[in-house]
Amino acid sequence: MEINMNFLREAFEREFSQSPFDLPMARWPNDDKVSWPGTYQNYPTQLAWDAYQAGVQVAIRHLTEQNEQRDSHE
């Protein structure tokens, strides 16, 4: 299953920029003038984004396995 990263990032930013998290969402420019282009300037925000993506991947893997098991029993 392919993930639409724009959709995922928008959902993350909508959720975590609000209370109670209030994480800043500024990102470094996407160019070679910075060490980590496109990442969040605030390290806790970047960690939250990385964890959010990992959680989505785990959920997709789990759901895929469940569907495969269900399909094999039909």
C-alpha atoms as a PDB file:
ATOM      1  CA  MET A   1       0.000   0.000   0.000  1.00  0.00           C
ATOM      2  CA  GLU A   2       1.382   3.385  -0.978  1.00  0.00           C
ATOM      3  CA  ILE A   3       1.062   6.262   1.463  1.00  0.00           C
ATOM      4  CA  ASN A   4       0.304   9.785   0.293  1.00  0.00           C
ATOM      5  CA  MET A   5       2.981  11.636   2.265  1.00  0.00           C
ATOM      6  CA  ASN A   6       1.399  15.053   1.670  1.00  0.00           C
ATOM      7  CA  PHE A   7      -1.861  13.810   3.204  1.00  0.00           C
ATOM      8  CA  LEU A   8       0.031  12.212   6.091  1.00  0.00           C
ATOM      9  CA  ARG A   9       2.091  15.337   6.811  1.00  0.00           C
ATOM     10  CA  GLU A  10      -1.001  17.568   6.677  1.00  0.00           C
ATOM     11  CA  ALA A  11      -2.777  15.293   9.165  1.00  0.00           C
ATOM     12  CA  PHE A  12       0.271  15.280  11.448  1.00  0.00           C
ATOM     13  CA  GLU A  13       0.663  19.060  11.342  1.00  0.00           C
ATOM     14  CA  ARG A  14      -3.049  19.660  11.888  1.00  0.00           C
ATOM     15  CA  GLU A  15      -3.067  17.428  14.968  1.00  0.00           C
ATOM     16  CA  PHE A  16       0.253  18.282  16.593  1.00  0.00           C
ATOM     17  CA  SER A  17       0.296  22.027  15.989  1.00  0.00           C
ATOM     18  CA  GLN A  18      -2.760  22.354  18.259  1.00  0.00           C
ATOM     19  CA  SER A  19      -3.162  22.109  22.009  1.00  0.00           C
ATOM     20  CA  PRO A  20      -2.083  20.215  24.018  1.00  0.00           C
ATOM     21  CA  PHE A  21       1.019  19.635  21.833  1.00  0.00           C
ATOM     22  CA  ASP A  22       1.495  23.057  20.195  1.00  0.00           C
ATOM     23  CA  LEU A  23       4.564  21.894  18.297  1.00  0.00           C
ATOM     24  CA  PRO A  24       6.145  24.442  15.938  1.00  0.00           C
ATOM     25  CA  MET A  25       5.918  23.294  12.311  1.00  0.00           C
ATOM     26  CA  ALA A  26       8.652  25.373  10.640  1.00  0.00           C
ATOM     27  CA  ARG A  27      10.869  23.272   8.365  1.00  0.00           C
ATOM     28  CA  TRP A  28      14.326  23.811   6.957  1.00  0.00           C
ATOM     29  CA  PRO A  29      14.377  24.728   3.267  1.00  0.00           C
ATOM     30  CA  ASN A  30      14.567  21.882   0.772  1.00  0.00           C
ATOM     31  CA  ASP A  31      17.994  22.814  -0.588  1.00  0.00           C
ATOM     32  CA  ASP A  32      21.630  21.904  -0.104  1.00  0.00           C
ATOM     33  CA  LYS A  33      22.391  24.943   2.062  1.00  0.00           C
ATOM     34  CA  VAL A  34      21.238  23.176   5.233  1.00  0.00           C
ATOM     35  CA  SER A  35      22.366  19.891   6.756  1.00  0.00           C
ATOM     36  CA  TRP A  36      18.911  18.341   6.995  1.00  0.00           C
ATOM     37  CA  PRO A  37      16.776  19.793   4.175  1.00  0.00           C
ATOM     38  CA  GLY A  38      13.018  19.544   4.592  1.00  0.00           C
ATOM     39  CA  THR A  39      13.138  18.443   8.227  1.00  0.00           C
ATOM     40  CA  TYR A  40      11.478  20.274  11.078  1.00  0.00           C
ATOM     41  CA  GLN A  41      13.609  22.962  12.684  1.00  0.00           C
ATOM     42  CA  ASN A  42      12.374  21.952  16.131  1.00  0.00           C
ATOM     43  CA  TYR A  43      13.939  18.622  17.109  1.00  0.00           C
ATOM     44  CA  PRO A  44      10.976  17.399  19.255  1.00  0.00           C
ATOM     45  CA  THR A  45       8.702  18.090  16.274  1.00  0.00           C
ATOM     46  CA  GLN A  46      10.986  16.050  14.017  1.00  0.00           C
ATOM     47  CA  LEU A  47      10.996  13.188  16.521  1.00  0.00           C
ATOM     48  CA  ALA A  48       7.200  13.289  16.708  1.00  0.00           C
ATOM     49  CA  TRP A  49       6.985  13.244  12.886  1.00  0.00           C
ATOM     50  CA  ASP A  50       9.352  10.267  12.671  1.00  0.00           C
ATOM     51  CA  ALA A  51       7.354   8.379  15.320  1.00  0.00           C
ATOM     52  CA  TYR A  52       4.057   9.269  13.599  1.00  0.00           C
ATOM     53  CA  GLN A  53       5.311   7.838  10.301  1.00  0.00           C
ATOM     54  CA  ALA A  54       6.586   4.696  12.012  1.00  0.00           C
ATOM     55  CA  GLY A  55       3.225   4.199  13.710  1.00  0.00           C
ATOM     56  CA  VAL A  56       1.396   4.478  10.407  1.00  0.00           C
ATOM     57  CA  GLN A  57       3.756   1.908   8.847  1.00  0.00           C
ATOM     58  CA  VAL A  58       3.153  -0.530  11.725  1.00  0.00           C
ATOM     59  CA  ALA A  59      -0.624  -0.063  11.452  1.00  0.00           C
ATOM     60  CA  ILE A  60      -0.546  -0.682   7.689  1.00  0.00           C
ATOM     61  CA  ARG A  61       1.583  -3.799   8.114  1.00  0.00           C
ATOM     62  CA  HIS A  62      -0.775  -5.104  10.808  1.00  0.00           C
ATOM     63  CA  LEU A  63      -3.901  -4.457   8.727  1.00  0.00           C
ATOM     64  CA  THR A  64      -2.314  -6.040   5.661  1.00  0.00           C
ATOM     65  CA  GLU A  65      -1.462  -9.177   7.631  1.00  0.00           C
ATOM     66  CA  GLN A  66      -5.000  -9.352   9.032  1.00  0.00           C
ATOM     67  CA  ASN A  67      -6.481  -9.044   5.553  1.00  0.00           C
ATOM     68  CA  GLU A  68      -4.172 -11.735   4.204  1.00  0.00           C
ATOM     69  CA  GLN A  69      -5.123 -14.094   7.046  1.00  0.00           C
ATOM     70  CA  ARG A  70      -8.809 -13.414   6.512  1.00  0.00           C
ATOM     71  CA  ASP A  71      -8.500 -13.975   2.765  1.00  0.00           C
ATOM     72  CA  SER A  72      -6.657 -17.278   3.264  1.00  0.00           C
ATOM     73  CA  HIS A  73      -9.511 -18.599   5.440  1.00  0.00           C
ATOM     74  CA  GLU A  74     -12.275 -17.816   2.977  1.00  0.00           C
END
